Amino acid sequence: MARHNRQSGTAVAERPLATSKRAPLRVSYPREGETISHPTYTVQIAVDEPAAGVEACVDQGDWQPCREALGLWWFDWKGYDSGEHQLAARLRRRDGSVAASEPRILFVKLS
């Protein structure tokens, strides 16, 4: 399908809108690019569907279990160094399938 460009007078091919399926979970806090300045931080993970479990991963290391409370999932993070870090979460469904969040970059600046 094409549309007409009124300024140039030429036909322009239309591309279908990209559709992206949002992952059923996301790291709510810390925000992308946020700087943490405390030696411990509780990561907040929102999940949009029932889960058998949720895990978090820092800097592509081992997946660590999260705890559920107040309708959210939480990961108590500690023992980290200053610098840039990558954080991701994944959801284990009751049927055994897994869905992962987009990785998030954050910074730590400890005194």
PDB file of N, CA and C in Angstrom:
ATOM      1  N   MET A   1       0.849  -1.165   0.000  1.00  0.00           N
ATOM      2  CA  MET A   1       0.000   0.000   0.000  1.00  0.00           C
ATOM      3  C   MET A   1       0.900   1.236   0.000  1.00  0.00           C
ATOM      4  N   ALA A   2       0.449   2.291  -0.659  1.00  0.00           N
ATOM      5  CA  ALA A   2       1.241   3.516  -0.718  1.00  0.00           C
ATOM      6  C   ALA A   2       0.363   4.707  -0.371  1.00  0.00           C
ATOM      7  N   ARG A   3       1.002   5.740   0.101  1.00  0.00           N
ATOM      8  CA  ARG A   3       0.303   6.992   0.345  1.00  0.00           C
ATOM      9  C   ARG A   3       1.023   8.066  -0.448  1.00  0.00           C
ATOM     10  N   HIS A   4       0.367   9.150  -0.690  1.00  0.00           N
ATOM     11  CA  HIS A   4       0.920  10.229  -1.493  1.00  0.00           C
ATOM     12  C   HIS A   4       1.532  11.282  -0.577  1.00  0.00           C
ATOM     13  N   ASN A   5       2.801  11.626  -0.806  1.00  0.00           N
ATOM     14  CA  ASN A   5       3.474  12.679  -0.053  1.00  0.00           C
ATOM     15  C   ASN A   5       3.115  14.009  -0.700  1.00  0.00           C
ATOM     16  N   ARG A   6       2.390  14.841   0.022  1.00  0.00           N
ATOM     17  CA  ARG A   6       1.882  16.092  -0.536  1.00  0.00           C
ATOM     18  C   ARG A   6       3.006  17.085  -0.823  1.00  0.00           C
ATOM     19  N   GLN A   7       4.078  17.032  -0.073  1.00  0.00           N
ATOM     20  CA  GLN A   7       5.164  17.997  -0.274  1.00  0.00           C
ATOM     21  C   GLN A   7       5.987  17.664  -1.513  1.00  0.00           C
ATOM     22  N   SER A   8       6.349  16.388  -1.680  1.00  0.00           N
ATOM     23  CA  SER A   8       7.211  16.039  -2.812  1.00  0.00           C
ATOM     24  C   SER A   8       6.435  15.559  -4.022  1.00  0.00           C
ATOM     25  N   GLY A   9       5.160  15.201  -3.831  1.00  0.00           N
ATOM     26  CA  GLY A   9       4.348  14.721  -4.942  1.00  0.00           C
ATOM     27  C   GLY A   9       4.640  13.280  -5.318  1.00  0.00           C
ATOM     28  N   THR A  10       5.381  12.572  -4.510  1.00  0.00           N
ATOM     29  CA  THR A  10       5.713  11.184  -4.818  1.00  0.00           C
ATOM     30  C   THR A  10       4.929  10.232  -3.925  1.00  0.00           C
ATOM     31  N   ALA A  11       4.860   8.995  -4.392  1.00  0.00           N
ATOM     32  CA  ALA A  11       4.206   7.957  -3.597  1.00  0.00           C
ATOM     33  C   ALA A  11       5.214   7.408  -2.594  1.00  0.00           C
ATOM     34  N   VAL A  12       4.737   7.191  -1.385  1.00  0.00           N
ATOM     35  CA  VAL A  12       5.588   6.665  -0.323  1.00  0.00           C
ATOM     36  C   VAL A  12       4.977   5.365   0.169  1.00  0.00           C
ATOM     37  N   ALA A  13       5.772   4.301   0.183  1.00  0.00           N
ATOM     38  CA  ALA A  13       5.280   3.009   0.656  1.00  0.00           C
ATOM     39  C   ALA A  13       4.988   3.102   2.146  1.00  0.00           C
ATOM     40  N   GLU A  14       3.848   2.580   2.552  1.00  0.00           N
ATOM     41  CA  GLU A  14       3.501   2.566   3.973  1.00  0.00           C
ATOM     42  C   GLU A  14       3.994   1.286   4.605  1.00  0.00           C
ATOM     43  N   ARG A  15       4.555   1.412   5.762  1.00  0.00           N
ATOM     44  CA  ARG A  15       4.974   0.248   6.529  1.00  0.00           C
ATOM     45  C   ARG A  15       3.924  -0.042   7.585  1.00  0.00           C
ATOM     46  N   PRO A  16       3.637  -1.305   7.813  1.00  0.00           N
ATOM     47  CA  PRO A  16       2.692  -1.601   8.889  1.00  0.00           C
ATOM     48  C   PRO A  16       3.276  -1.158  10.219  1.00  0.00           C
ATOM     49  N   LEU A  17       2.411  -0.750  11.130  1.00  0.00           N
ATOM     50  CA  LEU A  17       2.869  -0.361  12.455  1.00  0.00           C
ATOM     51  C   LEU A  17       3.504  -1.549  13.145  1.00  0.00           C
ATOM     52  N   ALA A  18       4.617  -1.321  13.759  1.00  0.00           N
ATOM     53  CA  ALA A  18       5.282  -2.395  14.508  1.00  0.00           C
ATOM     54  C   ALA A  18       4.464  -2.683  15.761  1.00  0.00           C
ATOM     55  N   THR A  19       4.274  -3.934  16.012  1.00  0.00           N
ATOM     56  CA  THR A  19       3.571  -4.315  17.235  1.00  0.00           C
ATOM     57  C   THR A  19       4.548  -5.055  18.119  1.00  0.00           C
ATOM     58  N   SER A  20       4.598  -4.667  19.349  1.00  0.00           N
ATOM     59  CA  SER A  20       5.476  -5.356  20.278  1.00  0.00           C
ATOM     60  C   SER A  20       4.628  -5.852  21.430  1.00  0.00           C
ATOM     61  N   LYS A  21       4.803  -7.101  21.729  1.00  0.00           N
ATOM     62  CA  LYS A  21       4.073  -7.667  22.848  1.00  0.00           C
ATOM     63  C   LYS A  21       4.850  -7.344  24.121  1.00  0.00           C
ATOM     64  N   ARG A  22       4.212  -6.624  24.997  1.00  0.00           N
ATOM     65  CA  ARG A  22       4.859  -6.250  26.246  1.00  0.00           C
ATOM     66  C   ARG A  22       5.030  -7.476  27.124  1.00  0.00           C
ATOM     67  N   ALA A  23       6.188  -7.591  27.722  1.00  0.00           N
ATOM     68  CA  ALA A  23       6.446  -8.704  28.631  1.00  0.00           C
ATOM     69  C   ALA A  23       5.467  -8.618  29.798  1.00  0.00           C
ATOM     70  N   PRO A  24       5.065  -9.765  30.350  1.00  0.00           N
ATOM     71  CA  PRO A  24       4.093  -9.760  31.442  1.00  0.00           C
ATOM     72  C   PRO A  24       4.687  -9.334  32.784  1.00  0.00           C
ATOM     73  N   LEU A  25       5.929  -8.858  32.780  1.00  0.00           N
ATOM     74  CA  LEU A  25       6.523  -8.337  34.003  1.00  0.00           C
ATOM     75  C   LEU A  25       7.517  -7.250  33.651  1.00  0.00           C
ATOM     76  N   ARG A  26       7.791  -6.395  34.625  1.00  0.00           N
ATOM     77  CA  ARG A  26       8.753  -5.316  34.410  1.00  0.00           C
ATOM     78  C   ARG A  26       9.339  -4.897  35.753  1.00  0.00           C
ATOM     79  N   VAL A  27      10.561  -4.441  35.687  1.00  0.00           N
ATOM     80  CA  VAL A  27      11.196  -3.872  36.867  1.00  0.00           C
ATOM     81  C   VAL A  27      10.626  -2.467  37.016  1.00  0.00           C
ATOM     82  N   SER A  28       9.921  -2.212  38.113  1.00  0.00           N
ATOM     83  CA  SER A  28       9.342  -0.884  38.343  1.00  0.00           C
ATOM     84  C   SER A  28      10.361   0.066  38.943  1.00  0.00           C
ATOM     85  N   TYR A  29      11.115  -0.428  39.904  1.00  0.00           N
ATOM     86  CA  TYR A  29      12.177   0.353  40.568  1.00  0.00           C
ATOM     87  C   TYR A  29      13.360  -0.546  40.830  1.00  0.00           C
ATOM     88  N   PRO A  30      14.545  -0.076  40.574  1.00  0.00           N
ATOM     89  CA  PRO A  30      14.932   1.273  40.179  1.00  0.00           C
ATOM     90  C   PRO A  30      14.555   1.546  38.722  1.00  0.00           C
ATOM     91  N   ARG A  31      14.403   2.816  38.413  1.00  0.00           N
ATOM     92  CA  ARG A  31      14.096   3.256  37.058  1.00  0.00           C
ATOM     93  C   ARG A  31      15.341   3.132  36.183  1.00  0.00           C
ATOM     94  N   GLU A  32      15.130   3.108  34.876  1.00  0.00           N
ATOM     95  CA  GLU A  32      16.236   3.084  33.919  1.00  0.00           C
ATOM     96  C   GLU A  32      17.138   4.292  34.171  1.00  0.00           C
ATOM     97  N   GLY A  33      18.434   4.052  34.308  1.00  0.00           N
ATOM     98  CA  GLY A  33      19.408   5.114  34.498  1.00  0.00           C
ATOM     99  C   GLY A  33      19.483   5.694  35.898  1.00  0.00           C
ATOM    100  N   GLU A  34      18.677   5.175  36.823  1.00  0.00           N
ATOM    101  CA  GLU A  34      18.679   5.695  38.194  1.00  0.00           C
ATOM    102  C   GLU A  34      20.016   5.410  38.874  1.00  0.00           C
ATOM    103  N   THR A  35      20.404   6.293  39.792  1.00  0.00           N
ATOM    104  CA  THR A  35      21.617   6.095  40.591  1.00  0.00           C
ATOM    105  C   THR A  35      21.223   5.741  42.016  1.00  0.00           C
ATOM    106  N   ILE A  36      21.771   4.647  42.492  1.00  0.00           N
ATOM    107  CA  ILE A  36      21.536   4.172  43.856  1.00  0.00           C
ATOM    108  C   ILE A  36      22.751   4.550  44.692  1.00  0.00           C
ATOM    109  N   SER A  37      22.506   5.091  45.881  1.00  0.00           N
ATOM    110  CA  SER A  37      23.629   5.527  46.721  1.00  0.00           C
ATOM    111  C   SER A  37      23.592   4.899  48.110  1.00  0.00           C
ATOM    112  N   HIS A  38      22.844   3.828  48.264  1.00  0.00           N
ATOM    113  CA  HIS A  38      22.736   3.140  49.547  1.00  0.00           C
ATOM    114  C   HIS A  38      23.285   1.724  49.381  1.00  0.00           C
ATOM    115  N   PRO A  39      23.874   1.133  50.405  1.00  0.00           N
ATOM    116  CA  PRO A  39      24.477  -0.200  50.264  1.00  0.00           C
ATOM    117  C   PRO A  39      23.474  -1.352  50.132  1.00  0.00           C
ATOM    118  N   THR A  40      22.176  -1.085  50.292  1.00  0.00           N
ATOM    119  CA  THR A  40      21.146  -2.098  50.031  1.00  0.00           C
ATOM    120  C   THR A  40      20.012  -1.436  49.263  1.00  0.00           C
ATOM    121  N   TYR A  41      19.312  -2.224  48.458  1.00  0.00           N
ATOM    122  CA  TYR A  41      18.208  -1.691  47.666  1.00  0.00           C
ATOM    123  C   TYR A  41      17.201  -2.812  47.452  1.00  0.00           C
ATOM    124  N   THR A  42      15.931  -2.504  47.595  1.00  0.00           N
ATOM    125  CA  THR A  42      14.884  -3.487  47.327  1.00  0.00           C
ATOM    126  C   THR A  42      14.280  -3.176  45.972  1.00  0.00           C
ATOM    127  N   VAL A  43      14.512  -4.074  45.017  1.00  0.00           N
ATOM    128  CA  VAL A  43      14.019  -3.942  43.654  1.00  0.00           C
ATOM    129  C   VAL A  43      12.536  -4.299  43.639  1.00  0.00           C
ATOM    130  N   GLN A  44      11.728  -3.492  42.959  1.00  0.00           N
ATOM    131  CA  GLN A  44      10.291  -3.741  42.846  1.00  0.00           C
ATOM    132  C   GLN A  44       9.982  -4.242  41.442  1.00  0.00           C
ATOM    133  N   ILE A  45       9.264  -5.371  41.360  1.00  0.00           N
ATOM    134  CA  ILE A  45       8.926  -5.993  40.080  1.00  0.00           C
ATOM    135  C   ILE A  45       7.411  -6.152  39.998  1.00  0.00           C
ATOM    136  N   ALA A  46       6.809  -5.620  38.947  1.00  0.00           N
ATOM    137  CA  ALA A  46       5.373  -5.741  38.727  1.00  0.00           C
ATOM    138  C   ALA A  46       5.120  -6.885  37.751  1.00  0.00           C
ATOM    139  N   VAL A  47       4.118  -7.706  38.063  1.00  0.00           N
ATOM    140  CA  VAL A  47       3.783  -8.872  37.254  1.00  0.00           C
ATOM    141  C   VAL A  47       2.315  -8.766  36.850  1.00  0.00           C
ATOM    142  N   ASP A  48       2.033  -8.987  35.568  1.00  0.00           N
ATOM    143  CA  ASP A  48       0.682  -8.822  35.042  1.00  0.00           C
ATOM    144  C   ASP A  48      -0.123 -10.115  34.953  1.00  0.00           C
ATOM    145  N   GLU A  49       0.436 -11.226  35.382  1.00  0.00           N
ATOM    146  CA  GLU A  49      -0.273 -12.499  35.320  1.00  0.00           C
ATOM    147  C   GLU A  49       0.164 -13.375  36.494  1.00  0.00           C
ATOM    148  N   PRO A  50      -0.616 -14.404  36.814  1.00  0.00           N
ATOM    149  CA  PRO A  50      -0.220 -15.281  37.926  1.00  0.00           C
ATOM    150  C   PRO A  50       1.152 -15.910  37.651  1.00  0.00           C
ATOM    151  N   ALA A  51       1.940 -16.025  38.697  1.00  0.00           N
ATOM    152  CA  ALA A  51       3.293 -16.569  38.540  1.00  0.00           C
ATOM    153  C   ALA A  51       3.561 -17.648  39.571  1.00  0.00           C
ATOM    154  N   ALA A  52       4.285 -18.668  39.147  1.00  0.00           N
ATOM    155  CA  ALA A  52       4.755 -19.681  40.084  1.00  0.00           C
ATOM    156  C   ALA A  52       5.946 -19.132  40.857  1.00  0.00           C
ATOM    157  N   GLY A  53       6.641 -18.180  40.255  1.00  0.00           N
ATOM    158  CA  GLY A  53       7.789 -17.553  40.904  1.00  0.00           C
ATOM    159  C   GLY A  53       8.373 -16.469  40.026  1.00  0.00           C
ATOM    160  N   VAL A  54       9.127 -15.591  40.647  1.00  0.00           N
ATOM    161  CA  VAL A  54       9.818 -14.516  39.938  1.00  0.00           C
ATOM    162  C   VAL A  54      11.248 -14.510  40.436  1.00  0.00           C
ATOM    163  N   GLU A  55      12.173 -14.239  39.526  1.00  0.00           N
ATOM    164  CA  GLU A  55      13.594 -14.190  39.861  1.00  0.00           C
ATOM    165  C   GLU A  55      14.216 -12.932  39.269  1.00  0.00           C
ATOM    166  N   ALA A  56      15.302 -12.502  39.862  1.00  0.00           N
ATOM    167  CA  ALA A  56      16.036 -11.330  39.372  1.00  0.00           C
ATOM    168  C   ALA A  56      17.471 -11.747  39.067  1.00  0.00           C
ATOM    169  N   CYS A  57      18.061 -11.034  38.139  1.00  0.00           N
ATOM    170  CA  CYS A  57      19.432 -11.305  37.716  1.00  0.00           C
ATOM    171  C   CYS A  57      20.167  -9.976  37.619  1.00  0.00           C
ATOM    172  N   VAL A  58      21.341  -9.915  38.206  1.00  0.00           N
ATOM    173  CA  VAL A  58      22.153  -8.704  38.167  1.00  0.00           C
ATOM    174  C   VAL A  58      23.431  -9.006  37.393  1.00  0.00           C
ATOM    175  N   ASP A  59      23.729  -8.152  36.425  1.00  0.00           N
ATOM    176  CA  ASP A  59      24.949  -8.253  35.623  1.00  0.00           C
ATOM    177  C   ASP A  59      25.113  -9.632  34.984  1.00  0.00           C
ATOM    178  N   GLN A  60      24.018 -10.195  34.515  1.00  0.00           N
ATOM    179  CA  GLN A  60      23.980 -11.479  33.824  1.00  0.00           C
ATOM    180  C   GLN A  60      24.515 -12.627  34.680  1.00  0.00           C
ATOM    181  N   GLY A  61      24.383 -12.483  35.995  1.00  0.00           N
ATOM    182  CA  GLY A  61      24.793 -13.537  36.918  1.00  0.00           C
ATOM    183  C   GLY A  61      23.682 -14.550  37.108  1.00  0.00           C
ATOM    184  N   ASP A  62      23.718 -15.252  38.215  1.00  0.00           N
ATOM    185  CA  ASP A  62      22.714 -16.264  38.516  1.00  0.00           C
ATOM    186  C   ASP A  62      21.368 -15.616  38.808  1.00  0.00           C
ATOM    187  N   TRP A  63      20.297 -16.317  38.477  1.00  0.00           N
ATOM    188  CA  TRP A  63      18.949 -15.867  38.810  1.00  0.00           C
ATOM    189  C   TRP A  63      18.702 -16.116  40.284  1.00  0.00           C
ATOM    190  N   GLN A  64      18.208 -15.099  40.960  1.00  0.00           N
ATOM    191  CA  GLN A  64      17.955 -15.165  42.397  1.00  0.00           C
ATOM    192  C   GLN A  64      16.453 -15.063  42.661  1.00  0.00           C
ATOM    193  N   PRO A  65      15.924 -15.849  43.602  1.00  0.00           N
ATOM    194  CA  PRO A  65      14.479 -15.793  43.872  1.00  0.00           C
ATOM    195  C   PRO A  65      14.054 -14.457  44.473  1.00  0.00           C
ATOM    196  N   CYS A  66      12.847 -14.053  44.106  1.00  0.00           N
ATOM    197  CA  CYS A  66      12.230 -12.856  44.659  1.00  0.00           C
ATOM    198  C   CYS A  66      11.118 -13.284  45.607  1.00  0.00           C
ATOM    199  N   ARG A  67      10.667 -12.345  46.419  1.00  0.00           N
ATOM    200  CA  ARG A  67       9.573 -12.629  47.347  1.00  0.00           C
ATOM    201  C   ARG A  67       8.352 -11.823  46.933  1.00  0.00           C
ATOM    202  N   GLU A  68       7.180 -12.378  47.204  1.00  0.00           N
ATOM    203  CA  GLU A  68       5.937 -11.707  46.849  1.00  0.00           C
ATOM    204  C   GLU A  68       5.321 -11.076  48.089  1.00  0.00           C
ATOM    205  N   ALA A  69       4.869  -9.837  47.956  1.00  0.00           N
ATOM    206  CA  ALA A  69       4.176  -9.135  49.042  1.00  0.00           C
ATOM    207  C   ALA A  69       3.429  -7.952  48.447  1.00  0.00           C
ATOM    208  N   LEU A  70       2.233  -7.722  48.943  1.00  0.00           N
ATOM    209  CA  LEU A  70       1.416  -6.563  48.545  1.00  0.00           C
ATOM    210  C   LEU A  70       1.127  -6.533  47.046  1.00  0.00           C
ATOM    211  N   GLY A  71       1.012  -7.698  46.421  1.00  0.00           N
ATOM    212  CA  GLY A  71       0.700  -7.766  45.001  1.00  0.00           C
ATOM    213  C   GLY A  71       1.869  -7.484  44.079  1.00  0.00           C
ATOM    214  N   LEU A  72       3.060  -7.366  44.618  1.00  0.00           N
ATOM    215  CA  LEU A  72       4.274  -7.120  43.840  1.00  0.00           C
ATOM    216  C   LEU A  72       5.320  -8.161  44.215  1.00  0.00           C
ATOM    217  N   TRP A  73       6.384  -8.193  43.445  1.00  0.00           N
ATOM    218  CA  TRP A  73       7.521  -9.068  43.752  1.00  0.00           C
ATOM    219  C   TRP A  73       8.712  -8.183  44.096  1.00  0.00           C
ATOM    220  N   TRP A  74       9.550  -8.668  45.012  1.00  0.00           N
ATOM    221  CA  TRP A  74      10.643  -7.866  45.569  1.00  0.00           C
ATOM    222  C   TRP A  74      11.933  -8.678  45.574  1.00  0.00           C
ATOM    223  N   PHE A  75      13.022  -8.000  45.243  1.00  0.00           N
ATOM    224  CA  PHE A  75      14.349  -8.603  45.293  1.00  0.00           C
ATOM    225  C   PHE A  75      15.230  -7.726  46.175  1.00  0.00           C
ATOM    226  N   ASP A  76      15.717  -8.288  47.264  1.00  0.00           N
ATOM    227  CA  ASP A  76      16.579  -7.555  48.198  1.00  0.00           C
ATOM    228  C   ASP A  76      18.016  -7.671  47.706  1.00  0.00           C
ATOM    229  N   TRP A  77      18.516  -6.572  47.156  1.00  0.00           N
ATOM    230  CA  TRP A  77      19.835  -6.536  46.538  1.00  0.00           C
ATOM    231  C   TRP A  77      20.830  -5.913  47.497  1.00  0.00           C
ATOM    232  N   LYS A  78      21.973  -6.558  47.654  1.00  0.00           N
ATOM    233  CA  LYS A  78      23.034  -6.015  48.520  1.00  0.00           C
ATOM    234  C   LYS A  78      24.371  -6.576  48.063  1.00  0.00           C
ATOM    235  N   GLY A  79      25.437  -6.032  48.612  1.00  0.00           N
ATOM    236  CA  GLY A  79      26.778  -6.509  48.280  1.00  0.00           C
ATOM    237  C   GLY A  79      27.270  -6.062  46.917  1.00  0.00           C
ATOM    238  N   TYR A  80      26.741  -4.976  46.388  1.00  0.00           N
ATOM    239  CA  TYR A  80      27.147  -4.503  45.072  1.00  0.00           C
ATOM    240  C   TYR A  80      28.210  -3.418  45.192  1.00  0.00           C
ATOM    241  N   ASP A  81      28.912  -3.196  44.096  1.00  0.00           N
ATOM    242  CA  ASP A  81      29.957  -2.180  44.028  1.00  0.00           C
ATOM    243  C   ASP A  81      29.456  -0.965  43.254  1.00  0.00           C
ATOM    244  N   SER A  82      30.147   0.146  43.404  1.00  0.00           N
ATOM    245  CA  SER A  82      29.845   1.332  42.612  1.00  0.00           C
ATOM    246  C   SER A  82      30.084   1.022  41.144  1.00  0.00           C
ATOM    247  N   GLY A  83      29.327   1.694  40.283  1.00  0.00           N
ATOM    248  CA  GLY A  83      29.489   1.520  38.846  1.00  0.00           C
ATOM    249  C   GLY A  83      28.173   1.225  38.157  1.00  0.00           C
ATOM    250  N   GLU A  84      28.264   0.854  36.895  1.00  0.00           N
ATOM    251  CA  GLU A  84      27.085   0.537  36.096  1.00  0.00           C
ATOM    252  C   GLU A  84      26.702  -0.924  36.310  1.00  0.00           C
ATOM    253  N   HIS A  85      25.399  -1.169  36.405  1.00  0.00           N
ATOM    254  CA  HIS A  85      24.891  -2.529  36.588  1.00  0.00           C
ATOM    255  C   HIS A  85      23.700  -2.757  35.666  1.00  0.00           C
ATOM    256  N   GLN A  86      23.477  -4.012  35.333  1.00  0.00           N
ATOM    257  CA  GLN A  86      22.327  -4.401  34.516  1.00  0.00           C
ATOM    258  C   GLN A  86      21.423  -5.295  35.356  1.00  0.00           C
ATOM    259  N   LEU A  87      20.140  -5.031  35.316  1.00  0.00           N
ATOM    260  CA  LEU A  87      19.164  -5.762  36.122  1.00  0.00           C
ATOM    261  C   LEU A  87      18.047  -6.270  35.216  1.00  0.00           C
ATOM    262  N   ALA A  88      17.657  -7.521  35.403  1.00  0.00           N
ATOM    263  CA  ALA A  88      16.538  -8.098  34.656  1.00  0.00           C
ATOM    264  C   ALA A  88      15.738  -8.984  35.605  1.00  0.00           C
ATOM    265  N   ALA A  89      14.505  -9.265  35.210  1.00  0.00           N
ATOM    266  CA  ALA A  89      13.646 -10.150  36.003  1.00  0.00           C
ATOM    267  C   ALA A  89      13.015 -11.163  35.061  1.00  0.00           C
ATOM    268  N   ARG A  90      12.642 -12.299  35.622  1.00  0.00           N
ATOM    269  CA  ARG A  90      11.912 -13.277  34.823  1.00  0.00           C
ATOM    270  C   ARG A  90      10.817 -13.908  35.662  1.00  0.00           C
ATOM    271  N   LEU A  91       9.799 -14.330  34.965  1.00  0.00           N
ATOM    272  CA  LEU A  91       8.607 -14.906  35.572  1.00  0.00           C
ATOM    273  C   LEU A  91       8.548 -16.379  35.172  1.00  0.00           C
ATOM    274  N   ARG A  92       8.327 -17.226  36.137  1.00  0.00           N
ATOM    275  CA  ARG A  92       8.092 -18.648  35.864  1.00  0.00           C
ATOM    276  C   ARG A  92       6.589 -18.889  35.983  1.00  0.00           C
ATOM    277  N   ARG A  93       5.989 -19.303  34.869  1.00  0.00           N
ATOM    278  CA  ARG A  93       4.555 -19.582  34.870  1.00  0.00           C
ATOM    279  C   ARG A  93       4.279 -20.956  35.463  1.00  0.00           C
ATOM    280  N   ARG A  94       3.055 -21.171  35.839  1.00  0.00           N
ATOM    281  CA  ARG A  94       2.669 -22.455  36.436  1.00  0.00           C
ATOM    282  C   ARG A  94       2.810 -23.603  35.446  1.00  0.00           C
ATOM    283  N   ASP A  95       2.724 -23.311  34.131  1.00  0.00           N
ATOM    284  CA  ASP A  95       2.877 -24.363  33.122  1.00  0.00           C
ATOM    285  C   ASP A  95       4.344 -24.654  32.800  1.00  0.00           C
ATOM    286  N   GLY A  96       5.266 -23.948  33.468  1.00  0.00           N
ATOM    287  CA  GLY A  96       6.696 -24.170  33.271  1.00  0.00           C
ATOM    288  C   GLY A  96       7.355 -23.214  32.293  1.00  0.00           C
ATOM    289  N   SER A  97       6.590 -22.452  31.547  1.00  0.00           N
ATOM    290  CA  SER A  97       7.188 -21.505  30.611  1.00  0.00           C
ATOM    291  C   SER A  97       7.737 -20.290  31.367  1.00  0.00           C
ATOM    292  N   VAL A  98       8.592 -19.561  30.696  1.00  0.00           N
ATOM    293  CA  VAL A  98       9.294 -18.430  31.306  1.00  0.00           C
ATOM    294  C   VAL A  98       9.172 -17.202  30.417  1.00  0.00           C
ATOM    295  N   ALA A  99       9.038 -16.032  31.019  1.00  0.00           N
ATOM    296  CA  ALA A  99       9.054 -14.755  30.300  1.00  0.00           C
ATOM    297  C   ALA A  99      10.009 -13.828  31.033  1.00  0.00           C
ATOM    298  N   ALA A 100      10.818 -13.092  30.284  1.00  0.00           N
ATOM    299  CA  ALA A 100      11.814 -12.207  30.895  1.00  0.00           C
ATOM    300  C   ALA A 100      11.518 -10.753  30.576  1.00  0.00           C
ATOM    301  N   SER A 101      11.900  -9.884  31.494  1.00  0.00           N
ATOM    302  CA  SER A 101      11.763  -8.444  31.279  1.00  0.00           C
ATOM    303  C   SER A 101      12.906  -7.951  30.406  1.00  0.00           C
ATOM    304  N   GLU A 102      12.749  -6.745  29.928  1.00  0.00           N
ATOM    305  CA  GLU A 102      13.860  -6.079  29.255  1.00  0.00           C
ATOM    306  C   GLU A 102      14.915  -5.759  30.317  1.00  0.00           C
ATOM    307  N   PRO A 103      16.202  -5.898  29.993  1.00  0.00           N
ATOM    308  CA  PRO A 103      17.215  -5.517  30.979  1.00  0.00           C
ATOM    309  C   PRO A 103      17.201  -4.018  31.227  1.00  0.00           C
ATOM    310  N   ARG A 104      17.565  -3.637  32.408  1.00  0.00           N
ATOM    311  CA  ARG A 104      17.570  -2.238  32.818  1.00  0.00           C
ATOM    312  C   ARG A 104      18.988  -1.877  33.273  1.00  0.00           C
ATOM    313  N   ILE A 105      19.447  -0.724  32.838  1.00  0.00           N
ATOM    314  CA  ILE A 105      20.761  -0.222  33.255  1.00  0.00           C
ATOM    315  C   ILE A 105      20.546   0.751  34.406  1.00  0.00           C
ATOM    316  N   LEU A 106      21.368   0.608  35.431  1.00  0.00           N
ATOM    317  CA  LEU A 106      21.323   1.521  36.573  1.00  0.00           C
ATOM    318  C   LEU A 106      22.740   1.743  37.074  1.00  0.00           C
ATOM    319  N   PHE A 107      22.875   2.697  37.942  1.00  0.00           N
ATOM    320  CA  PHE A 107      24.201   3.068  38.441  1.00  0.00           C
ATOM    321  C   PHE A 107      24.203   3.039  39.955  1.00  0.00           C
ATOM    322  N   VAL A 108      25.349   2.681  40.494  1.00  0.00           N
ATOM    323  CA  VAL A 108      25.543   2.703  41.948  1.00  0.00           C
ATOM    324  C   VAL A 108      26.710   3.635  42.224  1.00  0.00           C
ATOM    325  N   LYS A 109      26.490   4.537  43.187  1.00  0.00           N
ATOM    326  CA  LYS A 109      27.558   5.456  43.608  1.00  0.00           C
ATOM    327  C   LYS A 109      27.582   5.421  45.117  1.00  0.00           C
ATOM    328  N   LEU A 110      28.486   4.630  45.661  1.00  0.00           N
ATOM    329  CA  LEU A 110      28.624   4.515  47.109  1.00  0.00           C
ATOM    330  C   LEU A 110      29.753   5.427  47.576  1.00  0.00           C
ATOM    331  N   SER A 111      29.580   6.032  48.717  1.00  0.00           N
ATOM    332  CA  SER A 111      30.600   6.935  49.262  1.00  0.00           C
ATOM    333  C   SER A 111      31.792   6.177  49.764  1.00  0.00           C
TER     334      SER A 111
END
